[in-house]
């Protein structure tokens, strides 16, 4: 009677592809919202507990993703700055009594 060879225990690093997939889906969703003119909040993220170090083979993918996230952060912050400026302008016009003048 032969038995199947024992399967190696899953390594914590094996979860990194799923984590990067999830991050990438979030980036795509945020990018689409911004492209549609929606002001979307930048979600916070932390790696799941016990994930372990990023495998070297996944480093290039993670770095590309980090660059995309940084670009989206800049874009979100820029849009927030524009909204703040517009709100400040409306508040100033309201104080001056011209906010709703045609």
PDB file of N, CA and C in Angstrom:
ATOM      1  N   UNK A   1       0.846  -1.170   0.000  1.00  0.00           N
ATOM      2  CA  UNK A   1       0.000   0.000   0.000  1.00  0.00           C
ATOM      3  C   UNK A   1       0.890   1.231   0.000  1.00  0.00           C
ATOM      4  N   UNK A   2       0.633   2.109  -0.944  1.00  0.00           N
ATOM      5  CA  UNK A   2       1.421   3.338  -1.005  1.00  0.00           C
ATOM      6  C   UNK A   2       0.575   4.495  -0.517  1.00  0.00           C
ATOM      7  N   UNK A   3       1.242   5.413   0.090  1.00  0.00           N
ATOM      8  CA  UNK A   3       0.517   6.602   0.554  1.00  0.00           C
ATOM      9  C   UNK A   3       1.007   7.805  -0.227  1.00  0.00           C
ATOM     10  N   UNK A   4       0.167   8.782  -0.313  1.00  0.00           N
ATOM     11  CA  UNK A   4       0.524  10.007  -1.022  1.00  0.00           C
ATOM     12  C   UNK A   4       1.641  10.706  -0.270  1.00  0.00           C
ATOM     13  N   UNK A   5       2.501  11.337  -1.026  1.00  0.00           N
ATOM     14  CA  UNK A   5       3.591  12.095  -0.402  1.00  0.00           C
ATOM     15  C   UNK A   5       2.993  13.226   0.422  1.00  0.00           C
ATOM     16  N   UNK A   6       3.550  13.485   1.582  1.00  0.00           N
ATOM     17  CA  UNK A   6       3.004  14.570   2.402  1.00  0.00           C
ATOM     18  C   UNK A   6       3.141  15.910   1.687  1.00  0.00           C
ATOM     19  N   UNK A   7       2.120  16.696   1.805  1.00  0.00           N
ATOM     20  CA  UNK A   7       2.124  18.025   1.204  1.00  0.00           C
ATOM     21  C   UNK A   7       2.826  18.994   2.146  1.00  0.00           C
ATOM     22  N   UNK A   8       3.656  19.865   1.601  1.00  0.00           N
ATOM     23  CA  UNK A   8       4.310  20.834   2.476  1.00  0.00           C
ATOM     24  C   UNK A   8       3.275  21.786   3.070  1.00  0.00           C
ATOM     25  N   UNK A   9       3.545  22.206   4.275  1.00  0.00           N
ATOM     26  CA  UNK A   9       2.649  23.175   4.923  1.00  0.00           C
ATOM     27  C   UNK A   9       2.697  24.478   4.143  1.00  0.00           C
ATOM     28  N   UNK A  10       1.559  25.142   3.991  1.00  0.00           N
ATOM     29  CA  UNK A  10       1.575  26.409   3.267  1.00  0.00           C
ATOM     30  C   UNK A  10       2.435  27.426   4.012  1.00  0.00           C
ATOM     31  N   UNK A  11       3.174  28.193   3.253  1.00  0.00           N
ATOM     32  CA  UNK A  11       4.009  29.237   3.838  1.00  0.00           C
ATOM     33  C   UNK A  11       3.210  30.526   3.880  1.00  0.00           C
ATOM     34  N   UNK A  12       3.488  31.338   4.890  1.00  0.00           N
ATOM     35  CA  UNK A  12       2.775  32.611   5.004  1.00  0.00           C
ATOM     36  C   UNK A  12       2.993  33.466   3.766  1.00  0.00           C
ATOM     37  N   UNK A  13       4.185  33.379   3.182  1.00  0.00           N
ATOM     38  CA  UNK A  13       4.479  34.190   2.000  1.00  0.00           C
ATOM     39  C   UNK A  13       3.594  33.812   0.822  1.00  0.00           C
ATOM     40  N   UNK A  14       2.997  32.614   0.860  1.00  0.00           N
ATOM     41  CA  UNK A  14       2.118  32.203  -0.232  1.00  0.00           C
ATOM     42  C   UNK A  14       0.887  33.097  -0.331  1.00  0.00           C
ATOM     43  N   UNK A  15       0.567  33.838   0.717  1.00  0.00           N
ATOM     44  CA  UNK A  15      -0.585  34.727   0.694  1.00  0.00           C
ATOM     45  C   UNK A  15      -0.338  36.042  -0.014  1.00  0.00           C
ATOM     46  N   UNK A  16       0.922  36.356  -0.296  1.00  0.00           N
ATOM     47  CA  UNK A  16       1.232  37.639  -0.918  1.00  0.00           C
ATOM     48  C   UNK A  16       0.570  37.846  -2.281  1.00  0.00           C
ATOM     49  N   UNK A  17       0.520  36.855  -3.161  1.00  0.00           N
ATOM     50  CA  UNK A  17      -0.161  37.098  -4.439  1.00  0.00           C
ATOM     51  C   UNK A  17      -1.619  37.525  -4.247  1.00  0.00           C
ATOM     52  N   UNK A  18      -2.317  36.898  -3.308  1.00  0.00           N
ATOM     53  CA  UNK A  18      -3.712  37.281  -3.047  1.00  0.00           C
ATOM     54  C   UNK A  18      -3.800  38.697  -2.496  1.00  0.00           C
ATOM     55  N   UNK A  19      -2.872  39.043  -1.610  1.00  0.00           N
ATOM     56  CA  UNK A  19      -2.860  40.393  -1.036  1.00  0.00           C
ATOM     57  C   UNK A  19      -2.616  41.425  -2.132  1.00  0.00           C
ATOM     58  N   UNK A  20      -1.665  41.150  -3.016  1.00  0.00           N
ATOM     59  CA  UNK A  20      -1.386  42.085  -4.109  1.00  0.00           C
ATOM     60  C   UNK A  20      -2.561  42.160  -5.077  1.00  0.00           C
ATOM     61  N   UNK A  21      -3.230  41.025  -5.321  1.00  0.00           N
ATOM     62  CA  UNK A  21      -4.432  41.039  -6.169  1.00  0.00           C
ATOM     63  C   UNK A  21      -5.501  41.944  -5.563  1.00  0.00           C
ATOM     64  N   UNK A  22      -5.707  41.817  -4.257  1.00  0.00           N
ATOM     65  CA  UNK A  22      -6.712  42.631  -3.571  1.00  0.00           C
ATOM     66  C   UNK A  22      -6.347  44.114  -3.641  1.00  0.00           C
ATOM     67  N   UNK A  23      -5.092  44.425  -3.411  1.00  0.00           N
ATOM     68  CA  UNK A  23      -4.654  45.822  -3.506  1.00  0.00           C
ATOM     69  C   UNK A  23      -4.872  46.364  -4.914  1.00  0.00           C
ATOM     70  N   UNK A  24      -4.529  45.557  -5.898  1.00  0.00           N
ATOM     71  CA  UNK A  24      -4.678  45.992  -7.283  1.00  0.00           C
ATOM     72  C   UNK A  24      -6.144  46.242  -7.635  1.00  0.00           C
ATOM     73  N   UNK A  25      -7.037  45.392  -7.152  1.00  0.00           N
ATOM     74  CA  UNK A  25      -8.470  45.623  -7.397  1.00  0.00           C
ATOM     75  C   UNK A  25      -8.904  46.947  -6.770  1.00  0.00           C
ATOM     76  N   UNK A  26      -8.418  47.243  -5.580  1.00  0.00           N
ATOM     77  CA  UNK A  26      -8.742  48.514  -4.936  1.00  0.00           C
ATOM     78  C   UNK A  26      -8.230  49.697  -5.730  1.00  0.00           C
ATOM     79  N   UNK A  27      -7.031  49.572  -6.276  1.00  0.00           N
ATOM     80  CA  UNK A  27      -6.452  50.646  -7.089  1.00  0.00           C
ATOM     81  C   UNK A  27      -7.280  50.859  -8.347  1.00  0.00           C
ATOM     82  N   UNK A  28      -7.673  49.775  -8.998  1.00  0.00           N
ATOM     83  CA  UNK A  28      -8.483  49.878 -10.216  1.00  0.00           C
ATOM     84  C   UNK A  28      -9.830  50.536  -9.904  1.00  0.00           C
ATOM     85  N   UNK A  29     -10.446  50.157  -8.790  1.00  0.00           N
ATOM     86  CA  UNK A  29     -11.730  50.738  -8.391  1.00  0.00           C
ATOM     87  C   UNK A  29     -11.590  52.230  -8.121  1.00  0.00           C
ATOM     88  N   UNK A  30     -10.554  52.610  -7.389  1.00  0.00           N
ATOM     89  CA  UNK A  30     -10.330  54.023  -7.086  1.00  0.00           C
ATOM     90  C   UNK A  30     -10.032  54.809  -8.353  1.00  0.00           C
ATOM     91  N   UNK A  31      -9.213  54.254  -9.235  1.00  0.00           N
ATOM     92  CA  UNK A  31      -8.884  54.911 -10.499  1.00  0.00           C
ATOM     93  C   UNK A  31     -10.153  55.153 -11.316  1.00  0.00           C
ATOM     94  N   UNK A  32     -11.028  54.157 -11.385  1.00  0.00           N
ATOM     95  CA  UNK A  32     -12.272  54.298 -12.143  1.00  0.00           C
ATOM     96  C   UNK A  32     -13.161  55.377 -11.533  1.00  0.00           C
ATOM     97  N   UNK A  33     -13.234  55.424 -10.217  1.00  0.00           N
ATOM     98  CA  UNK A  33     -14.050  56.448  -9.554  1.00  0.00           C
ATOM     99  C   UNK A  33     -13.512  57.837  -9.864  1.00  0.00           C
ATOM    100  N   UNK A  34     -12.205  57.997  -9.775  1.00  0.00           N
ATOM    101  CA  UNK A  34     -11.610  59.303 -10.057  1.00  0.00           C
ATOM    102  C   UNK A  34     -11.793  59.687 -11.519  1.00  0.00           C
ATOM    103  N   UNK A  35     -11.646  58.716 -12.417  1.00  0.00           N
ATOM    104  CA  UNK A  35     -11.838  58.989 -13.841  1.00  0.00           C
ATOM    105  C   UNK A  35     -13.278  59.392 -14.149  1.00  0.00           C
ATOM    106  N   UNK A  36     -14.226  58.898 -13.339  1.00  0.00           N
ATOM    107  CA  UNK A  36     -15.641  59.233 -13.527  1.00  0.00           C
ATOM    108  C   UNK A  36     -16.003  60.555 -12.850  1.00  0.00           C
ATOM    109  N   UNK A  37     -15.011  61.202 -12.252  1.00  0.00           N
ATOM    110  CA  UNK A  37     -15.272  62.485 -11.608  1.00  0.00           C
ATOM    111  C   UNK A  37     -15.769  62.373 -10.185  1.00  0.00           C
ATOM    112  N   UNK A  38     -15.712  61.190  -9.625  1.00  0.00           N
ATOM    113  CA  UNK A  38     -16.146  61.000  -8.244  1.00  0.00           C
ATOM    114  C   UNK A  38     -14.961  61.246  -7.319  1.00  0.00           C
ATOM    115  N   UNK A  39     -15.226  61.903  -6.224  1.00  0.00           N
ATOM    116  CA  UNK A  39     -14.190  62.121  -5.230  1.00  0.00           C
ATOM    117  C   UNK A  39     -14.250  60.957  -4.259  1.00  0.00           C
ATOM    118  N   UNK A  40     -13.320  60.047  -4.389  1.00  0.00           N
ATOM    119  CA  UNK A  40     -13.318  58.837  -3.569  1.00  0.00           C
ATOM    120  C   UNK A  40     -12.244  58.940  -2.495  1.00  0.00           C
ATOM    121  N   UNK A  41     -12.545  58.457  -1.300  1.00  0.00           N
ATOM    122  CA  UNK A  41     -11.526  58.485  -0.249  1.00  0.00           C
ATOM    123  C   UNK A  41     -10.423  57.473  -0.549  1.00  0.00           C
ATOM    124  N   UNK A  42      -9.234  57.790  -0.112  1.00  0.00           N
ATOM    125  CA  UNK A  42      -8.108  56.879  -0.270  1.00  0.00           C
ATOM    126  C   UNK A  42      -8.143  55.896   0.890  1.00  0.00           C
ATOM    127  N   UNK A  43      -8.437  54.630   0.618  1.00  0.00           N
ATOM    128  CA  UNK A  43      -8.528  53.675   1.728  1.00  0.00           C
ATOM    129  C   UNK A  43      -7.169  53.444   2.379  1.00  0.00           C
ATOM    130  N   UNK A  44      -7.202  53.167   3.672  1.00  0.00           N
ATOM    131  CA  UNK A  44      -5.968  52.820   4.367  1.00  0.00           C
ATOM    132  C   UNK A  44      -5.735  51.327   4.207  1.00  0.00           C
ATOM    133  N   UNK A  45      -4.495  50.925   4.338  1.00  0.00           N
ATOM    134  CA  UNK A  45      -4.171  49.522   4.164  1.00  0.00           C
ATOM    135  C   UNK A  45      -2.999  49.164   5.056  1.00  0.00           C
ATOM    136  N   UNK A  46      -3.044  47.988   5.585  1.00  0.00           N
ATOM    137  CA  UNK A  46      -1.927  47.405   6.321  1.00  0.00           C
ATOM    138  C   UNK A  46      -1.890  45.926   5.965  1.00  0.00           C
ATOM    139  N   UNK A  47      -0.710  45.365   5.844  1.00  0.00           N
ATOM    140  CA  UNK A  47      -0.654  43.941   5.503  1.00  0.00           C
ATOM    141  C   UNK A  47      -1.286  43.100   6.600  1.00  0.00           C
ATOM    142  N   UNK A  48      -1.936  42.011   6.231  1.00  0.00           N
ATOM    143  CA  UNK A  48      -2.536  41.139   7.240  1.00  0.00           C
ATOM    144  C   UNK A  48      -1.482  40.623   8.222  1.00  0.00           C
ATOM    145  N   UNK A  49      -1.892  40.415   9.444  1.00  0.00           N
ATOM    146  CA  UNK A  49      -0.985  39.898  10.467  1.00  0.00           C
ATOM    147  C   UNK A  49      -0.460  38.529  10.053  1.00  0.00           C
ATOM    148  N   UNK A  50       0.797  38.305  10.292  1.00  0.00           N
ATOM    149  CA  UNK A  50       1.393  37.008  10.029  1.00  0.00           C
ATOM    150  C   UNK A  50       1.716  36.731   8.577  1.00  0.00           C
ATOM    151  N   UNK A  51       1.639  37.741   7.734  1.00  0.00           N
ATOM    152  CA  UNK A  51       1.860  37.527   6.305  1.00  0.00           C
ATOM    153  C   UNK A  51       3.313  37.189   6.000  1.00  0.00           C
ATOM    154  N   UNK A  52       4.215  37.736   6.753  1.00  0.00           N
ATOM    155  CA  UNK A  52       5.631  37.483   6.501  1.00  0.00           C
ATOM    156  C   UNK A  52       6.182  38.452   5.477  1.00  0.00           C
ATOM    157  N   UNK A  53       7.473  38.378   5.239  1.00  0.00           N
ATOM    158  CA  UNK A  53       8.105  39.313   4.306  1.00  0.00           C
ATOM    159  C   UNK A  53       7.663  39.057   2.864  1.00  0.00           C
ATOM    160  N   UNK A  54       7.714  40.107   2.089  1.00  0.00           N
ATOM    161  CA  UNK A  54       7.376  40.014   0.670  1.00  0.00           C
ATOM    162  C   UNK A  54       8.431  39.166  -0.038  1.00  0.00           C
ATOM    163  N   UNK A  55       8.011  38.137  -0.759  1.00  0.00           N
ATOM    164  CA  UNK A  55       8.988  37.341  -1.511  1.00  0.00           C
ATOM    165  C   UNK A  55       9.668  38.200  -2.582  1.00  0.00           C
ATOM    166  N   UNK A  56      10.940  37.981  -2.763  1.00  0.00           N
ATOM    167  CA  UNK A  56      11.725  38.767  -3.721  1.00  0.00           C
ATOM    168  C   UNK A  56      11.118  38.708  -5.123  1.00  0.00           C
ATOM    169  N   UNK A  57      10.563  37.583  -5.500  1.00  0.00           N
ATOM    170  CA  UNK A  57       9.979  37.439  -6.840  1.00  0.00           C
ATOM    171  C   UNK A  57       8.786  38.367  -7.049  1.00  0.00           C
ATOM    172  N   UNK A  58       8.124  38.784  -5.967  1.00  0.00           N
ATOM    173  CA  UNK A  58       6.959  39.662  -6.083  1.00  0.00           C
ATOM    174  C   UNK A  58       7.314  41.135  -5.904  1.00  0.00           C
ATOM    175  N   UNK A  59       8.566  41.415  -5.588  1.00  0.00           N
ATOM    176  CA  UNK A  59       8.976  42.801  -5.342  1.00  0.00           C
ATOM    177  C   UNK A  59       8.687  43.734  -6.529  1.00  0.00           C
ATOM    178  N   UNK A  60       9.024  43.373  -7.773  1.00  0.00           N
ATOM    179  CA  UNK A  60       8.733  44.287  -8.888  1.00  0.00           C
ATOM    180  C   UNK A  60       7.240  44.621  -9.002  1.00  0.00           C
ATOM    181  N   UNK A  61       6.400  43.628  -8.824  1.00  0.00           N
ATOM    182  CA  UNK A  61       4.949  43.871  -8.893  1.00  0.00           C
ATOM    183  C   UNK A  61       4.514  44.801  -7.769  1.00  0.00           C
ATOM    184  N   UNK A  62       5.000  44.555  -6.570  1.00  0.00           N
ATOM    185  CA  UNK A  62       4.640  45.392  -5.425  1.00  0.00           C
ATOM    186  C   UNK A  62       5.136  46.822  -5.622  1.00  0.00           C
ATOM    187  N   UNK A  63       6.322  46.981  -6.195  1.00  0.00           N
ATOM    188  CA  UNK A  63       6.856  48.326  -6.435  1.00  0.00           C
ATOM    189  C   UNK A  63       6.024  49.068  -7.478  1.00  0.00           C
ATOM    190  N   UNK A  64       5.622  48.379  -8.532  1.00  0.00           N
ATOM    191  CA  UNK A  64       4.759  49.022  -9.544  1.00  0.00           C
ATOM    192  C   UNK A  64       3.429  49.442  -8.920  1.00  0.00           C
ATOM    193  N   UNK A  65       2.897  48.591  -8.082  1.00  0.00           N
ATOM    194  CA  UNK A  65       1.642  48.893  -7.402  1.00  0.00           C
ATOM    195  C   UNK A  65       1.813  50.088  -6.466  1.00  0.00           C
ATOM    196  N   UNK A  66       2.932  50.146  -5.768  1.00  0.00           N
ATOM    197  CA  UNK A  66       3.208  51.275  -4.871  1.00  0.00           C
ATOM    198  C   UNK A  66       3.292  52.583  -5.652  1.00  0.00           C
ATOM    199  N   UNK A  67       3.883  52.550  -6.838  1.00  0.00           N
ATOM    200  CA  UNK A  67       3.964  53.753  -7.677  1.00  0.00           C
ATOM    201  C   UNK A  67       2.562  54.193  -8.091  1.00  0.00           C
ATOM    202  N   UNK A  68       1.721  53.245  -8.477  1.00  0.00           N
ATOM    203  CA  UNK A  68       0.337  53.583  -8.862  1.00  0.00           C
ATOM    204  C   UNK A  68      -0.428  54.174  -7.685  1.00  0.00           C
ATOM    205  N   UNK A  69      -0.252  53.581  -6.504  1.00  0.00           N
ATOM    206  CA  UNK A  69      -0.944  54.071  -5.309  1.00  0.00           C
ATOM    207  C   UNK A  69      -0.484  55.478  -4.969  1.00  0.00           C
ATOM    208  N   UNK A  70       0.816  55.730  -5.060  1.00  0.00           N
ATOM    209  CA  UNK A  70       1.337  57.071  -4.782  1.00  0.00           C
ATOM    210  C   UNK A  70       0.751  58.085  -5.756  1.00  0.00           C
ATOM    211  N   UNK A  71       0.648  57.718  -7.021  1.00  0.00           N
ATOM    212  CA  UNK A  71       0.044  58.613  -8.006  1.00  0.00           C
ATOM    213  C   UNK A  71      -1.413  58.905  -7.692  1.00  0.00           C
ATOM    214  N   UNK A  72      -2.147  57.889  -7.274  1.00  0.00           N
ATOM    215  CA  UNK A  72      -3.551  58.094  -6.909  1.00  0.00           C
ATOM    216  C   UNK A  72      -3.672  58.953  -5.657  1.00  0.00           C
ATOM    217  N   UNK A  73      -2.767  58.762  -4.701  1.00  0.00           N
ATOM    218  CA  UNK A  73      -2.790  59.598  -3.499  1.00  0.00           C
ATOM    219  C   UNK A  73      -2.604  61.063  -3.869  1.00  0.00           C
ATOM    220  N   UNK A  74      -1.660  61.328  -4.746  1.00  0.00           N
ATOM    221  CA  UNK A  74      -1.438  62.713  -5.194  1.00  0.00           C
ATOM    222  C   UNK A  74      -2.682  63.261  -5.881  1.00  0.00           C
ATOM    223  N   UNK A  75      -3.289  62.438  -6.699  1.00  0.00           N
ATOM    224  CA  UNK A  75      -4.490  62.873  -7.419  1.00  0.00           C
ATOM    225  C   UNK A  75      -5.637  63.165  -6.451  1.00  0.00           C
ATOM    226  N   UNK A  76      -5.851  62.286  -5.469  1.00  0.00           N
ATOM    227  CA  UNK A  76      -6.905  62.496  -4.474  1.00  0.00           C
ATOM    228  C   UNK A  76      -6.629  63.763  -3.675  1.00  0.00           C
ATOM    229  N   UNK A  77      -5.389  63.940  -3.235  1.00  0.00           N
ATOM    230  CA  UNK A  77      -5.051  65.136  -2.460  1.00  0.00           C
ATOM    231  C   UNK A  77      -5.233  66.403  -3.298  1.00  0.00           C
ATOM    232  N   UNK A  78      -4.896  66.329  -4.582  1.00  0.00           N
ATOM    233  CA  UNK A  78      -5.106  67.472  -5.466  1.00  0.00           C
ATOM    234  C   UNK A  78      -6.579  67.807  -5.609  1.00  0.00           C
ATOM    235  N   UNK A  79      -7.406  66.784  -5.760  1.00  0.00           N
ATOM    236  CA  UNK A  79      -8.844  67.023  -5.870  1.00  0.00           C
ATOM    237  C   UNK A  79      -9.408  67.575  -4.571  1.00  0.00           C
ATOM    238  N   UNK A  80      -8.935  67.065  -3.443  1.00  0.00           N
ATOM    239  CA  UNK A  80      -9.400  67.602  -2.161  1.00  0.00           C
ATOM    240  C   UNK A  80      -9.016  69.066  -2.022  1.00  0.00           C
ATOM    241  N   UNK A  81      -7.818  69.412  -2.473  1.00  0.00           N
ATOM    242  CA  UNK A  81      -7.399  70.810  -2.438  1.00  0.00           C
ATOM    243  C   UNK A  81      -8.302  71.681  -3.301  1.00  0.00           C
ATOM    244  N   UNK A  82      -8.680  71.184  -4.469  1.00  0.00           N
ATOM    245  CA  UNK A  82      -9.581  71.933  -5.350  1.00  0.00           C
ATOM    246  C   UNK A  82     -10.950  72.117  -4.712  1.00  0.00           C
ATOM    247  N   UNK A  83     -11.454  71.060  -4.087  1.00  0.00           N
ATOM    248  CA  UNK A  83     -12.760  71.145  -3.424  1.00  0.00           C
ATOM    249  C   UNK A  83     -12.702  72.149  -2.278  1.00  0.00           C
ATOM    250  N   UNK A  84     -11.631  72.096  -1.496  1.00  0.00           N
ATOM    251  CA  UNK A  84     -11.488  73.057  -0.394  1.00  0.00           C
ATOM    252  C   UNK A  84     -11.461  74.489  -0.918  1.00  0.00           C
ATOM    253  N   UNK A  85     -10.739  74.708  -2.011  1.00  0.00           N
ATOM    254  CA  UNK A  85     -10.668  76.050  -2.589  1.00  0.00           C
ATOM    255  C   UNK A  85     -12.042  76.504  -3.069  1.00  0.00           C
ATOM    256  N   UNK A  86     -12.774  75.608  -3.719  1.00  0.00           N
ATOM    257  CA  UNK A  86     -14.115  75.961  -4.189  1.00  0.00           C
ATOM    258  C   UNK A  86     -15.048  76.260  -3.025  1.00  0.00           C
ATOM    259  N   UNK A  87     -14.966  75.458  -1.966  1.00  0.00           N
ATOM    260  CA  UNK A  87     -15.801  75.716  -0.788  1.00  0.00           C
ATOM    261  C   UNK A  87     -15.433  77.045  -0.139  1.00  0.00           C
ATOM    262  N   UNK A  88     -14.151  77.343  -0.104  1.00  0.00           N
ATOM    263  CA  UNK A  88     -13.722  78.633   0.434  1.00  0.00           C
ATOM    264  C   UNK A  88     -14.257  79.780  -0.398  1.00  0.00           C
ATOM    265  N   UNK A  89     -14.260  79.614  -1.717  1.00  0.00           N
ATOM    266  CA  UNK A  89     -14.790  80.650  -2.610  1.00  0.00           C
ATOM    267  C   UNK A  89     -16.288  80.839  -2.391  1.00  0.00           C
ATOM    268  N   UNK A  90     -17.016  79.740  -2.260  1.00  0.00           N
ATOM    269  CA  UNK A  90     -18.461  79.828  -2.009  1.00  0.00           C
ATOM    270  C   UNK A  90     -18.720  80.524  -0.680  1.00  0.00           C
ATOM    271  N   UNK A  91     -17.972  80.155   0.350  1.00  0.00           N
ATOM    272  CA  UNK A  91     -18.156  80.788   1.662  1.00  0.00           C
ATOM    273  C   UNK A  91     -17.882  82.283   1.585  1.00  0.00           C
ATOM    274  N   UNK A  92     -16.839  82.648   0.865  1.00  0.00           N
ATOM    275  CA  UNK A  92     -16.510  84.072   0.720  1.00  0.00           C
ATOM    276  C   UNK A  92     -17.613  84.804  -0.042  1.00  0.00           C
ATOM    277  N   UNK A  93     -18.130  84.192  -1.092  1.00  0.00           N
ATOM    278  CA  UNK A  93     -19.199  84.823  -1.868  1.00  0.00           C
ATOM    279  C   UNK A  93     -20.484  84.916  -1.054  1.00  0.00           C
ATOM    280  N   UNK A  94     -20.745  83.926  -0.215  1.00  0.00           N
ATOM    281  CA  UNK A  94     -21.942  83.982   0.633  1.00  0.00           C
ATOM    282  C   UNK A  94     -21.838  85.148   1.604  1.00  0.00           C
ATOM    283  N   UNK A  95     -20.651  85.304   2.184  1.00  0.00           N
ATOM    284  CA  UNK A  95     -20.458  86.422   3.114  1.00  0.00           C
ATOM    285  C   UNK A  95     -20.635  87.758   2.398  1.00  0.00           C
ATOM    286  N   UNK A  96     -20.229  87.800   1.135  1.00  0.00           N
ATOM    287  CA  UNK A  96     -20.352  89.038   0.364  1.00  0.00           C
ATOM    288  C   UNK A  96     -21.747  89.194  -0.235  1.00  0.00           C
ATOM    289  N   UNK A  97     -22.587  88.172  -0.117  1.00  0.00           N
ATOM    290  CA  UNK A  97     -23.948  88.245  -0.645  1.00  0.00           C
ATOM    291  C   UNK A  97     -24.041  87.989  -2.129  1.00  0.00           C
ATOM    292  N   UNK A  98     -23.011  87.411  -2.730  1.00  0.00           N
ATOM    293  CA  UNK A  98     -23.033  87.171  -4.180  1.00  0.00           C
ATOM    294  C   UNK A  98     -23.018  85.689  -4.539  1.00  0.00           C
ATOM    295  N   UNK A  99     -23.207  84.816  -3.566  1.00  0.00           N
ATOM    296  CA  UNK A  99     -23.089  83.378  -3.824  1.00  0.00           C
ATOM    297  C   UNK A  99     -24.117  82.882  -4.823  1.00  0.00           C
ATOM    298  N   UNK A 100     -25.304  83.438  -4.791  1.00  0.00           N
ATOM    299  CA  UNK A 100     -26.365  82.920  -5.652  1.00  0.00           C
ATOM    300  C   UNK A 100     -26.855  83.950  -6.657  1.00  0.00           C
ATOM    301  N   UNK A 101     -26.096  84.992  -6.834  1.00  0.00           N
ATOM    302  CA  UNK A 101     -26.492  86.019  -7.810  1.00  0.00           C
ATOM    303  C   UNK A 101     -26.253  85.492  -9.216  1.00  0.00           C
ATOM    304  N   UNK A 102     -27.129  85.871 -10.142  1.00  0.00           N
ATOM    305  CA  UNK A 102     -26.946  85.412 -11.512  1.00  0.00           C
ATOM    306  C   UNK A 102     -26.226  86.432 -12.332  1.00  0.00           C
TER     307      UNK A 102
END
